[in-house]
C-alpha atoms as a PDB file:
ATOM      1  CA  MET A   1      39.230 108.419 -46.856  1.00  0.00           C
ATOM      2  CA  SER A   2      37.589 111.158 -48.924  1.00  0.00           C
ATOM      3  CA  ASN A   3      34.179 112.459 -47.923  1.00  0.00           C
ATOM      4  CA  LEU A   4      32.691 110.858 -51.038  1.00  0.00           C
ATOM      5  CA  ASP A   5      34.191 107.485 -50.053  1.00  0.00           C
ATOM      6  CA  GLN A   6      32.800 107.958 -46.542  1.00  0.00           C
ATOM      7  CA  ARG A   7      29.329 108.597 -47.913  1.00  0.00           C
ATOM      8  CA  LEU A   8      29.572 105.422 -49.981  1.00  0.00           C
ATOM      9  CA  ALA A   9      30.728 103.489 -46.932  1.00  0.00           C
ATOM     10  CA  ASN A  10      27.678 104.818 -45.054  1.00  0.00           C
ATOM     11  CA  GLY A  11      25.318 103.409 -47.683  1.00  0.00           C
ATOM     12  CA  GLU A  12      24.228 106.675 -49.275  1.00  0.00           C
ATOM     13  CA  VAL A  13      22.979 106.695 -52.867  1.00  0.00           C
ATOM     14  CA  ILE A  14      24.999 109.170 -54.956  1.00  0.00           C
ATOM     15  CA  ILE A  15      23.621 110.853 -58.100  1.00  0.00           C
ATOM     16  CA  THR A  16      26.049 111.620 -60.916  1.00  0.00           C
ATOM     17  CA  ASP A  17      25.359 113.778 -63.925  1.00  0.00           C
ATOM     18  CA  GLY A  18      24.149 112.596 -67.317  1.00  0.00           C
ATOM     19  CA  ALA A  19      25.662 112.808 -70.776  1.00  0.00           C
ATOM     20  CA  MET A  20      28.084 115.546 -71.786  1.00  0.00           C
ATOM     21  CA  GLY A  21      28.844 114.753 -75.429  1.00  0.00           C
ATOM     22  CA  THR A  22      25.259 114.257 -76.520  1.00  0.00           C
ATOM     23  CA  GLU A  23      24.153 117.372 -74.632  1.00  0.00           C
ATOM     24  CA  LEU A  24      26.827 119.342 -76.475  1.00  0.00           C
ATOM     25  CA  GLN A  25      25.492 117.972 -79.745  1.00  0.00           C
ATOM     26  CA  ARG A  26      21.892 118.680 -78.718  1.00  0.00           C
ATOM     27  CA  ARG A  27      22.835 122.305 -77.935  1.00  0.00           C
ATOM     28  CA  GLY A  28      24.564 122.925 -81.250  1.00  0.00           C
ATOM     29  CA  ALA A  29      28.243 122.160 -80.644  1.00  0.00           C
ATOM     30  CA  PRO A  30      29.666 120.192 -83.592  1.00  0.00           C
ATOM     31  CA  MET A  31      31.145 116.777 -82.852  1.00  0.00           C
ATOM     32  CA  ASP A  32      34.704 116.332 -84.105  1.00  0.00           C
ATOM     33  CA  LYS A  33      35.188 113.413 -86.513  1.00  0.00           C
ATOM     34  CA  VAL A  34      38.255 112.285 -84.565  1.00  0.00           C
ATOM     35  CA  ALA A  35      38.041 113.473 -80.958  1.00  0.00           C
ATOM     36  CA  TRP A  36      34.232 113.648 -80.741  1.00  0.00           C
ATOM     37  CA  SER A  37      33.257 115.944 -77.812  1.00  0.00           C
ATOM     38  CA  ALA A  38      36.812 116.810 -76.698  1.00  0.00           C
ATOM     39  CA  ALA A  39      37.279 119.497 -79.360  1.00  0.00           C
ATOM     40  CA  ALA A  40      34.448 121.473 -77.752  1.00  0.00           C
ATOM     41  CA  ILE A  41      36.735 122.304 -74.807  1.00  0.00           C
ATOM     42  CA  ALA A  42      38.491 124.682 -77.186  1.00  0.00           C
ATOM     43  CA  SER A  43      35.554 125.728 -79.351  1.00  0.00           C
ATOM     44  CA  HIS A  44      32.500 125.798 -77.024  1.00  0.00           C
ATOM     45  CA  PRO A  45      33.622 126.113 -73.371  1.00  0.00           C
ATOM     46  CA  ASP A  46      30.569 128.165 -72.374  1.00  0.00           C
ATOM     47  CA  ILE A  47      28.197 125.395 -73.453  1.00  0.00           C
ATOM     48  CA  ILE A  48      30.227 122.861 -71.455  1.00  0.00           C
ATOM     49  CA  ARG A  49      29.969 125.045 -68.364  1.00  0.00           C
ATOM     50  CA  ASP A  50      26.239 125.515 -68.905  1.00  0.00           C
ATOM     51  CA  ILE A  51      25.718 121.753 -69.123  1.00  0.00           C
ATOM     52  CA  HIS A  52      27.603 121.181 -65.878  1.00  0.00           C
ATOM     53  CA  GLU A  53      25.499 123.891 -64.226  1.00  0.00           C
ATOM     54  CA  ASP A  54      22.274 122.316 -65.440  1.00  0.00           C
ATOM     55  CA  TYR A  55      23.232 118.927 -64.029  1.00  0.00           C
ATOM     56  CA  ILE A  56      24.318 120.386 -60.702  1.00  0.00           C
ATOM     57  CA  ARG A  57      21.077 122.358 -60.389  1.00  0.00           C
ATOM     58  CA  ALA A  58      19.213 119.156 -61.259  1.00  0.00           C
ATOM     59  CA  GLY A  59      20.784 117.526 -58.206  1.00  0.00           C
ATOM     60  CA  ALA A  60      23.954 115.819 -59.437  1.00  0.00           C
ATOM     61  CA  GLN A  61      26.407 115.212 -56.613  1.00  0.00           C
ATOM     62  CA  VAL A  62      29.234 114.248 -58.971  1.00  0.00           C
ATOM     63  CA  THR A  63      29.872 116.013 -62.276  1.00  0.00           C
ATOM     64  CA  ILE A  64      32.270 114.499 -64.788  1.00  0.00           C
ATOM     65  CA  ALA A  65      34.535 116.778 -66.821  1.00  0.00           C
ATOM     66  CA  ASN A  66      34.434 116.699 -70.616  1.00  0.00           C
ATOM     67  CA  THR A  67      37.735 114.813 -70.940  1.00  0.00           C
ATOM     68  CA  PHE A  68      36.335 111.520 -72.260  1.00  0.00           C
ATOM     69  CA  GLY A  69      38.183 111.901 -75.580  1.00  0.00           C
ATOM     70  CA  ALA A  70      40.960 114.228 -74.430  1.00  0.00           C
ATOM     71  CA  ALA A  71      43.903 111.857 -73.985  1.00  0.00           C
ATOM     72  CA  ARG A  72      46.990 112.715 -76.046  1.00  0.00           C
ATOM     73  CA  HIS A  73      46.662 109.697 -78.363  1.00  0.00           C
ATOM     74  CA  VAL A  74      43.214 110.987 -79.374  1.00  0.00           C
ATOM     75  CA  LEU A  75      43.854 114.727 -79.472  1.00  0.00           C
ATOM     76  CA  ALA A  76      47.044 114.274 -81.502  1.00  0.00           C
ATOM     77  CA  ARG A  77      45.012 112.773 -84.350  1.00  0.00           C
ATOM     78  CA  ALA A  78      42.665 115.750 -84.163  1.00  0.00           C
ATOM     79  CA  SER A  79      45.596 118.181 -84.546  1.00  0.00           C
ATOM     80  CA  LEU A  80      45.238 119.211 -80.889  1.00  0.00           C
ATOM     81  CA  GLY A  81      48.142 117.257 -79.436  1.00  0.00           C
ATOM     82  CA  GLU A  82      50.091 120.348 -78.446  1.00  0.00           C
ATOM     83  CA  ARG A  83      47.121 121.474 -76.298  1.00  0.00           C
ATOM     84  CA  VAL A  84      46.621 118.318 -74.219  1.00  0.00           C
ATOM     85  CA  VAL A  85      47.543 119.816 -70.850  1.00  0.00           C
ATOM     86  CA  GLU A  86      45.729 123.092 -71.540  1.00  0.00           C
ATOM     87  CA  LEU A  87      42.482 121.436 -72.654  1.00  0.00           C
ATOM     88  CA  ASN A  88      42.330 118.846 -69.879  1.00  0.00           C
ATOM     89  CA  ARG A  89      43.005 121.498 -67.251  1.00  0.00           C
ATOM     90  CA  ARG A  90      40.405 123.774 -68.816  1.00  0.00           C
ATOM     91  CA  ALA A  91      37.808 120.992 -68.732  1.00  0.00           C
ATOM     92  CA  ILE A  92      38.346 120.498 -64.989  1.00  0.00           C
ATOM     93  CA  ASP A  93      38.220 124.264 -64.450  1.00  0.00           C
ATOM     94  CA  LEU A  94      34.915 124.530 -66.329  1.00  0.00           C
ATOM     95  CA  ALA A  95      33.371 121.912 -64.036  1.00  0.00           C
ATOM     96  CA  LYS A  96      34.702 123.740 -60.980  1.00  0.00           C
ATOM     97  CA  GLU A  97      33.354 127.074 -62.246  1.00  0.00           C
ATOM     98  CA  ALA A  98      29.945 125.478 -62.759  1.00  0.00           C
ATOM     99  CA  ARG A  99      30.035 124.110 -59.227  1.00  0.00           C
ATOM    100  CA  ASP A 100      30.836 127.563 -57.876  1.00  0.00           C
ATOM    101  CA  ARG A 101      27.877 129.021 -59.759  1.00  0.00           C
ATOM    102  CA  ALA A 102      25.267 126.321 -59.260  1.00  0.00           C
ATOM    103  CA  ALA A 103      25.935 124.172 -56.185  1.00  0.00           C
ATOM    104  CA  ASP A 104      24.469 126.685 -53.718  1.00  0.00           C
ATOM    105  CA  GLY A 105      26.494 125.263 -50.848  1.00  0.00           C
ATOM    106  CA  ARG A 106      25.870 121.590 -51.671  1.00  0.00           C
ATOM    107  CA  GLU A 107      28.846 119.275 -51.894  1.00  0.00           C
ATOM    108  CA  VAL A 108      29.571 118.394 -55.535  1.00  0.00           C
ATOM    109  CA  SER A 109      32.608 116.327 -56.502  1.00  0.00           C
ATOM    110  CA  ILE A 110      34.505 116.896 -59.750  1.00  0.00           C
ATOM    111  CA  ALA A 111      35.662 113.835 -61.693  1.00  0.00           C
ATOM    112  CA  GLY A 112      38.193 113.663 -64.488  1.00  0.00           C
ATOM    113  CA  SER A 113      37.176 111.159 -67.166  1.00  0.00           C
ATOM    114  CA  MET A 114      39.535 108.798 -68.972  1.00  0.00           C
ATOM    115  CA  SER A 115      38.272 106.312 -71.524  1.00  0.00           C
ATOM    116  CA  SER A 116      39.155 103.568 -73.948  1.00  0.00           C
ATOM    117  CA  PHE A 117      37.839 105.865 -76.683  1.00  0.00           C
ATOM    118  CA  ALA A 118      40.042 105.461 -79.753  1.00  0.00           C
ATOM    119  CA  ALA A 119      40.307 108.197 -82.327  1.00  0.00           C
ATOM    120  CA  GLU A 120      38.755 107.437 -85.700  1.00  0.00           C
ATOM    121  CA  ASN A 121      41.595 106.164 -87.852  1.00  0.00           C
ATOM    122  CA  ALA A 122      41.547 104.161 -91.050  1.00  0.00           C
ATOM    123  CA  ASP A 123      44.629 102.147 -90.159  1.00  0.00           C
ATOM    124  CA  ALA A 124      44.150 101.259 -86.491  1.00  0.00           C
ATOM    125  CA  LYS A 125      41.686 101.793 -83.666  1.00  0.00           C
ATOM    126  CA  GLN A 126      44.166 101.278 -80.858  1.00  0.00           C
ATOM    127  CA  VAL A 127      47.618 102.535 -79.905  1.00  0.00           C
ATOM    128  CA  MET A 128      50.683 100.710 -78.639  1.00  0.00           C
ATOM    129  CA  PRO A 129      50.642  99.875 -74.900  1.00  0.00           C
ATOM    130  CA  ASP A 130      53.538 102.185 -73.962  1.00  0.00           C
ATOM    131  CA  VAL A 131      51.892 105.067 -75.820  1.00  0.00           C
ATOM    132  CA  ALA A 132      48.559 104.408 -74.138  1.00  0.00           C
ATOM    133  CA  PHE A 133      50.042 104.242 -70.652  1.00  0.00           C
ATOM    134  CA  ALA A 134      52.029 107.459 -71.127  1.00  0.00           C
ATOM    135  CA  SER A 135      48.924 109.176 -72.501  1.00  0.00           C
ATOM    136  CA  TYR A 136      46.755 108.069 -69.573  1.00  0.00           C
ATOM    137  CA  ARG A 137      49.433 108.952 -67.030  1.00  0.00           C
ATOM    138  CA  GLU A 138      49.766 112.461 -68.443  1.00  0.00           C
ATOM    139  CA  GLN A 139      46.009 112.992 -68.379  1.00  0.00           C
ATOM    140  CA  ALA A 140      45.613 111.674 -64.830  1.00  0.00           C
ATOM    141  CA  GLU A 141      48.384 113.921 -63.555  1.00  0.00           C
ATOM    142  CA  VAL A 142      46.695 116.966 -65.092  1.00  0.00           C
ATOM    143  CA  PHE A 143      43.454 116.039 -63.308  1.00  0.00           C
ATOM    144  CA  ALA A 144      45.230 115.799 -59.967  1.00  0.00           C
ATOM    145  CA  GLU A 145      47.092 119.063 -60.448  1.00  0.00           C
ATOM    146  CA  ALA A 146      43.910 120.849 -61.584  1.00  0.00           C
ATOM    147  CA  GLY A 147      42.023 119.844 -58.440  1.00  0.00           C
ATOM    148  CA  ALA A 148      39.801 116.935 -59.504  1.00  0.00           C
ATOM    149  CA  ASP A 149      38.305 114.996 -56.594  1.00  0.00           C
ATOM    150  CA  LEU A 150      38.350 111.616 -58.319  1.00  0.00           C
ATOM    151  CA  ILE A 151      39.010 109.914 -61.650  1.00  0.00           C
ATOM    152  CA  VAL A 152      36.379 107.937 -63.532  1.00  0.00           C
ATOM    153  CA  LEU A 153      37.418 105.374 -66.143  1.00  0.00           C
ATOM    154  CA  GLU A 154      34.610 105.287 -68.675  1.00  0.00           C
ATOM    155  CA  MET A 155      33.635 102.937 -71.493  1.00  0.00           C
ATOM    156  CA  MET A 156      36.247 100.370 -70.534  1.00  0.00           C
ATOM    157  CA  GLN A 157      35.998  97.663 -73.184  1.00  0.00           C
ATOM    158  CA  ASP A 158      39.387  95.961 -73.210  1.00  0.00           C
ATOM    159  CA  VAL A 159      41.112  94.400 -70.203  1.00  0.00           C
ATOM    160  CA  ALA A 160      44.702  95.322 -71.037  1.00  0.00           C
ATOM    161  CA  TYR A 161      43.980  98.963 -71.839  1.00  0.00           C
ATOM    162  CA  THR A 162      41.733  99.288 -68.811  1.00  0.00           C
ATOM    163  CA  VAL A 163      44.643  98.173 -66.646  1.00  0.00           C
ATOM    164  CA  TYR A 164      46.928 100.771 -68.260  1.00  0.00           C
ATOM    165  CA  ALA A 165      44.419 103.512 -67.505  1.00  0.00           C
ATOM    166  CA  LEU A 166      43.765 102.231 -63.994  1.00  0.00           C
ATOM    167  CA  GLU A 167      47.443 102.051 -63.063  1.00  0.00           C
ATOM    168  CA  ALA A 168      47.964 105.584 -64.363  1.00  0.00           C
ATOM    169  CA  ALA A 169      44.972 106.907 -62.440  1.00  0.00           C
ATOM    170  CA  LEU A 170      45.861 105.136 -59.191  1.00  0.00           C
ATOM    171  CA  ALA A 171      49.341 106.680 -59.275  1.00  0.00           C
ATOM    172  CA  THR A 172      47.772 110.081 -58.543  1.00  0.00           C
ATOM    173  CA  GLY A 173      46.406 108.917 -55.178  1.00  0.00           C
ATOM    174  CA  LEU A 174      42.868 110.017 -56.138  1.00  0.00           C
ATOM    175  CA  PRO A 175      39.878 107.652 -55.795  1.00  0.00           C
ATOM    176  CA  VAL A 176      39.291 105.787 -59.050  1.00  0.00           C
ATOM    177  CA  TRP A 177      35.966 104.453 -60.338  1.00  0.00           C
ATOM    178  CA  VAL A 178      35.926 101.924 -63.187  1.00  0.00           C
ATOM    179  CA  GLY A 179      33.004 101.862 -65.639  1.00  0.00           C
ATOM    180  CA  PHE A 180      32.704  98.874 -67.973  1.00  0.00           C
ATOM    181  CA  SER A 181      30.638  98.865 -71.164  1.00  0.00           C
ATOM    182  CA  CYS A 182      28.899  95.549 -71.746  1.00  0.00           C
ATOM    183  CA  ARG A 183      26.410  93.785 -73.983  1.00  0.00           C
ATOM    184  CA  MET A 184      24.562  90.506 -74.025  1.00  0.00           C
ATOM    185  CA  ALA A 185      26.172  87.800 -76.184  1.00  0.00           C
ATOM    186  CA  ALA A 186      24.176  85.334 -78.274  1.00  0.00           C
ATOM    187  CA  ASP A 187      24.258  82.826 -75.415  1.00  0.00           C
ATOM    188  CA  GLU A 188      22.965  85.512 -73.001  1.00  0.00           C
ATOM    189  CA  GLU A 189      26.328  85.826 -71.236  1.00  0.00           C
ATOM    190  CA  THR A 190      27.255  89.380 -70.231  1.00  0.00           C
ATOM    191  CA  VAL A 191      30.418  90.335 -72.127  1.00  0.00           C
ATOM    192  CA  LEU A 192      32.490  93.448 -72.753  1.00  0.00           C
ATOM    193  CA  PHE A 193      31.230  95.672 -75.519  1.00  0.00           C
ATOM    194  CA  PHE A 194      34.487  95.683 -77.489  1.00  0.00           C
ATOM    195  CA  ARG A 195      34.137  93.759 -80.723  1.00  0.00           C
ATOM    196  CA  GLU A 196      31.223  91.711 -81.932  1.00  0.00           C
ATOM    197  CA  ASP A 197      33.567  88.808 -82.780  1.00  0.00           C
ATOM    198  CA  ILE A 198      35.245  88.696 -79.347  1.00  0.00           C
ATOM    199  CA  ASP A 199      33.195  87.776 -76.293  1.00  0.00           C
ATOM    200  CA  THR A 200      35.235  88.663 -73.199  1.00  0.00           C
ATOM    201  CA  PRO A 201      33.130  87.734 -70.159  1.00  0.00           C
ATOM    202  CA  LEU A 202      32.462  90.712 -67.935  1.00  0.00           C
ATOM    203  CA  ALA A 203      33.185  88.509 -64.924  1.00  0.00           C
ATOM    204  CA  ASP A 204      36.721  87.806 -66.153  1.00  0.00           C
ATOM    205  CA  ALA A 205      37.336  91.494 -66.834  1.00  0.00           C
ATOM    206  CA  VAL A 206      36.169  92.509 -63.358  1.00  0.00           C
ATOM    207  CA  ASP A 207      38.396  89.896 -61.712  1.00  0.00           C
ATOM    208  CA  LYS A 208      41.511  90.944 -63.633  1.00  0.00           C
ATOM    209  CA  VAL A 209      41.000  94.709 -63.510  1.00  0.00           C
ATOM    210  CA  MET A 210      39.751  95.206 -59.974  1.00  0.00           C
ATOM    211  CA  ALA A 211      42.605  93.086 -58.628  1.00  0.00           C
ATOM    212  CA  VAL A 212      44.806  96.034 -59.635  1.00  0.00           C
ATOM    213  CA  GLY A 213      42.792  98.553 -57.591  1.00  0.00           C
ATOM    214  CA  GLY A 214      39.885 100.975 -57.732  1.00  0.00           C
ATOM    215  CA  SER A 215      37.231 101.938 -55.203  1.00  0.00           C
ATOM    216  CA  LEU A 216      34.049 101.398 -57.278  1.00  0.00           C
ATOM    217  CA  VAL A 217      33.061  99.462 -60.385  1.00  0.00           C
ATOM    218  CA  GLY A 218      30.065 100.120 -62.587  1.00  0.00           C
ATOM    219  CA  ILE A 219      28.108  99.488 -65.759  1.00  0.00           C
ATOM    220  CA  MET A 220      28.209 102.517 -68.048  1.00  0.00           C
ATOM    221  CA  HIS A 221      27.717 103.371 -71.713  1.00  0.00           C
ATOM    222  CA  SER A 222      25.717 100.159 -72.147  1.00  0.00           C
ATOM    223  CA  ASP A 223      22.180  99.514 -73.304  1.00  0.00           C
ATOM    224  CA  ILE A 224      19.627  99.820 -70.535  1.00  0.00           C
ATOM    225  CA  GLU A 225      18.631  96.194 -71.152  1.00  0.00           C
ATOM    226  CA  ALA A 226      22.204  95.044 -70.391  1.00  0.00           C
ATOM    227  CA  THR A 227      22.525  97.065 -67.191  1.00  0.00           C
ATOM    228  CA  ALA A 228      20.740  94.788 -64.711  1.00  0.00           C
ATOM    229  CA  PRO A 229      22.536  91.638 -65.965  1.00  0.00           C
ATOM    230  CA  GLY A 230      25.804  93.561 -65.746  1.00  0.00           C
ATOM    231  CA  LEU A 231      25.064  94.598 -62.164  1.00  0.00           C
ATOM    232  CA  GLU A 232      24.382  90.968 -61.297  1.00  0.00           C
ATOM    233  CA  VAL A 233      27.868  90.084 -62.531  1.00  0.00           C
ATOM    234  CA  LEU A 234      29.453  92.914 -60.557  1.00  0.00           C
ATOM    235  CA  ARG A 235      27.690  91.889 -57.361  1.00  0.00           C
ATOM    236  CA  GLY A 236      29.008  88.369 -57.750  1.00  0.00           C
ATOM    237  CA  ARG A 237      32.628  89.402 -58.364  1.00  0.00           C
ATOM    238  CA  TRP A 238      33.197  92.626 -56.396  1.00  0.00           C
ATOM    239  CA  PRO A 239      32.471  93.337 -52.706  1.00  0.00           C
ATOM    240  CA  GLY A 240      32.610  97.134 -52.902  1.00  0.00           C
ATOM    241  CA  PRO A 241      30.203  99.791 -54.218  1.00  0.00           C
ATOM    242  CA  VAL A 242      28.793  99.551 -57.742  1.00  0.00           C
ATOM    243  CA  SER A 243      27.270 102.065 -60.142  1.00  0.00           C
ATOM    244  CA  ALA A 244      24.946 102.264 -63.144  1.00  0.00           C
ATOM    245  CA  TYR A 245      24.813 104.937 -65.828  1.00  0.00           C
ATOM    246  CA  PRO A 246      23.776 103.495 -69.217  1.00  0.00           C
ATOM    247  CA  HIS A 247      22.920 105.235 -72.470  1.00  0.00           C
ATOM    248  CA  SER A 248      19.816 105.573 -74.628  1.00  0.00           C
ATOM    249  CA  GLY A 249      19.941 105.849 -78.410  1.00  0.00           C
ATOM    250  CA  ARG A 250      22.813 104.826 -80.642  1.00  0.00           C
ATOM    251  CA  PHE A 251      26.042 106.208 -82.119  1.00  0.00           C
ATOM    252  CA  ILE A 252      27.116 106.698 -85.725  1.00  0.00           C
ATOM    253  CA  MET A 253      30.488 108.479 -85.666  1.00  0.00           C
ATOM    254  CA  PRO A 254      30.670 111.347 -84.954  1.00  0.00           C
ATOM    255  CA  GLU A 255      27.071 111.972 -83.874  1.00  0.00           C
ATOM    256  CA  TRP A 256      24.629 110.413 -81.438  1.00  0.00           C
ATOM    257  CA  GLN A 257      21.357 109.255 -82.908  1.00  0.00           C
ATOM    258  CA  PHE A 258      18.516 110.366 -80.618  1.00  0.00           C
ATOM    259  CA  VAL A 259      16.399 107.323 -81.440  1.00  0.00           C
ATOM    260  CA  ASP A 260      13.921 105.905 -78.944  1.00  0.00           C
ATOM    261  CA  ILE A 261      15.372 107.914 -76.039  1.00  0.00           C
ATOM    262  CA  ILE A 262      13.850 106.607 -72.828  1.00  0.00           C
ATOM    263  CA  PRO A 263      11.507 109.110 -71.110  1.00  0.00           C
ATOM    264  CA  PRO A 264      12.699 110.372 -67.703  1.00  0.00           C
ATOM    265  CA  GLU A 265       9.862 108.616 -65.839  1.00  0.00           C
ATOM    266  CA  ASP A 266      10.708 105.265 -67.428  1.00  0.00           C
ATOM    267  CA  TYR A 267      14.390 105.800 -66.704  1.00  0.00           C
ATOM    268  CA  LEU A 268      13.559 106.458 -63.060  1.00  0.00           C
ATOM    269  CA  ALA A 269      11.654 103.163 -62.918  1.00  0.00           C
ATOM    270  CA  GLN A 270      14.710 101.323 -64.229  1.00  0.00           C
ATOM    271  CA  ALA A 271      16.999 103.187 -61.838  1.00  0.00           C
ATOM    272  CA  ARG A 272      14.855 102.159 -58.872  1.00  0.00           C
ATOM    273  CA  LYS A 273      15.499  98.543 -59.824  1.00  0.00           C
ATOM    274  CA  TRP A 274      19.259  99.163 -60.051  1.00  0.00           C
ATOM    275  CA  VAL A 275      19.295 100.698 -56.577  1.00  0.00           C
ATOM    276  CA  GLU A 276      17.281  97.746 -55.263  1.00  0.00           C
ATOM    277  CA  MET A 277      20.010  95.528 -56.730  1.00  0.00           C
ATOM    278  CA  GLY A 278      22.701  97.489 -54.890  1.00  0.00           C
ATOM    279  CA  ALA A 279      23.734 100.200 -57.359  1.00  0.00           C
ATOM    280  CA  GLN A 280      24.909 103.004 -55.107  1.00  0.00           C
ATOM    281  CA  VAL A 281      25.976 105.538 -57.746  1.00  0.00           C
ATOM    282  CA  VAL A 282      23.406 106.257 -60.459  1.00  0.00           C
ATOM    283  CA  GLY A 283      23.441 108.671 -63.383  1.00  0.00           C
ATOM    284  CA  GLY A 284      23.346 108.500 -67.147  1.00  0.00           C
ATOM    285  CA  CYS A 285      25.464 108.421 -70.272  1.00  0.00           C
ATOM    286  CA  CYS A 286      24.730 109.330 -73.902  1.00  0.00           C
ATOM    287  CA  GLY A 287      21.149 110.434 -74.500  1.00  0.00           C
ATOM    288  CA  ILE A 288      20.405 110.922 -70.786  1.00  0.00           C
ATOM    289  CA  GLY A 289      19.951 114.602 -69.943  1.00  0.00           C
ATOM    290  CA  PRO A 290      19.217 116.987 -67.061  1.00  0.00           C
ATOM    291  CA  ASP A 291      15.517 116.078 -66.886  1.00  0.00           C
ATOM    292  CA  HIS A 292      16.444 112.431 -66.285  1.00  0.00           C
ATOM    293  CA  ILE A 293      18.948 113.392 -63.579  1.00  0.00           C
ATOM    294  CA  ARG A 294      16.457 115.724 -61.871  1.00  0.00           C
ATOM    295  CA  LEU A 295      13.993 112.883 -61.404  1.00  0.00           C
ATOM    296  CA  LEU A 296      16.712 110.577 -60.074  1.00  0.00           C
ATOM    297  CA  ALA A 297      17.769 113.203 -57.533  1.00  0.00           C
ATOM    298  CA  GLU A 298      14.177 113.845 -56.455  1.00  0.00           C
ATOM    299  CA  LYS A 299      12.775 110.323 -56.414  1.00  0.00           C
ATOM    300  CA  LEU A 300      15.466 107.708 -55.836  1.00  0.00           C
ATOM    301  CA  PRO A 301      16.011 106.418 -52.284  1.00  0.00           C
ATOM    302  CA  LYS A 302      18.708 108.280 -50.386  1.00  0.00           C
ATOM    303  CA  ARG A 303      20.218 105.080 -49.046  1.00  0.00           C
ATOM    304  CA  LEU A 304      20.701 101.529 -50.274  1.00  0.00           C
ATOM    305  CA  PRO A 305      18.243  98.861 -49.106  1.00  0.00           C
ATOM    306  CA  GLU A 306      19.595  96.751 -46.273  1.00  0.00           C
ATOM    307  CA  THR A 307      19.212  93.611 -48.377  1.00  0.00           C
ATOM    308  CA  PRO A 308      19.732  94.152 -52.137  1.00  0.00           C
ATOM    309  CA  ALA A 309      17.208  92.410 -54.375  1.00  0.00           C
ATOM    310  CA  ALA A 310      18.165  89.542 -56.646  1.00  0.00           C
END
């Protein structure tokens, strides 16, 4: 059992970092029309390192590498396919360098990120299953070889492709966290945020995916309003640790729209409720920055309540 897993087993509340892609955009790095933030590994590595450092100094105990859109099936469409291994390894190294500079002796875990992010393409938004699995397997192996402490599956919106990514990640032997994106359907059921015309119940997705493996499941890259209902579903379907790191604002490819971003104090108030419900890992996604994470690290309880609230 890794030290991070042991801390979770002991009931500690773990703070992750906030957004990477939207912080890159906020700090002047252009977002690629195909690979979004992944191209910045090649073009703006210093800004990536600075962002990691800011989150670590803010109190993040887990920092997630900028590999969200760096799988081969995405980078190939951005004319970066021949640099897949180099860029994914560099992203892990940048997070490690930031830890060396900013952690000041604190334990900070480095996570490689894999996602269901599909490159912008006029003909198709998804790739064939064998291509996806090979792409995820390659990326996961680079993370393991580069020294990542865990793998985080982010923005999982489709059951089949989540399973491909999960199987590839588990093959490395590293701990794997699964983050689902969800929304509220017209009938108020919590469903995967995949397509507006397909309502896949989050409960069904959790049952099918977590039967394959994984050590934590969470609600991520979802509206703040959908986070508590999503956590309720997770608590009813999964006995292990759960996490919450939603977004604030909205996305119009390739840029985040910083509209109605929740103030850090209001985000803290929401996060307190998630911890009361049993969320043990808390951070933020798009639109959530270092100031939000600093307040979480300073003000959230250090341990879960003995009896989570309804």
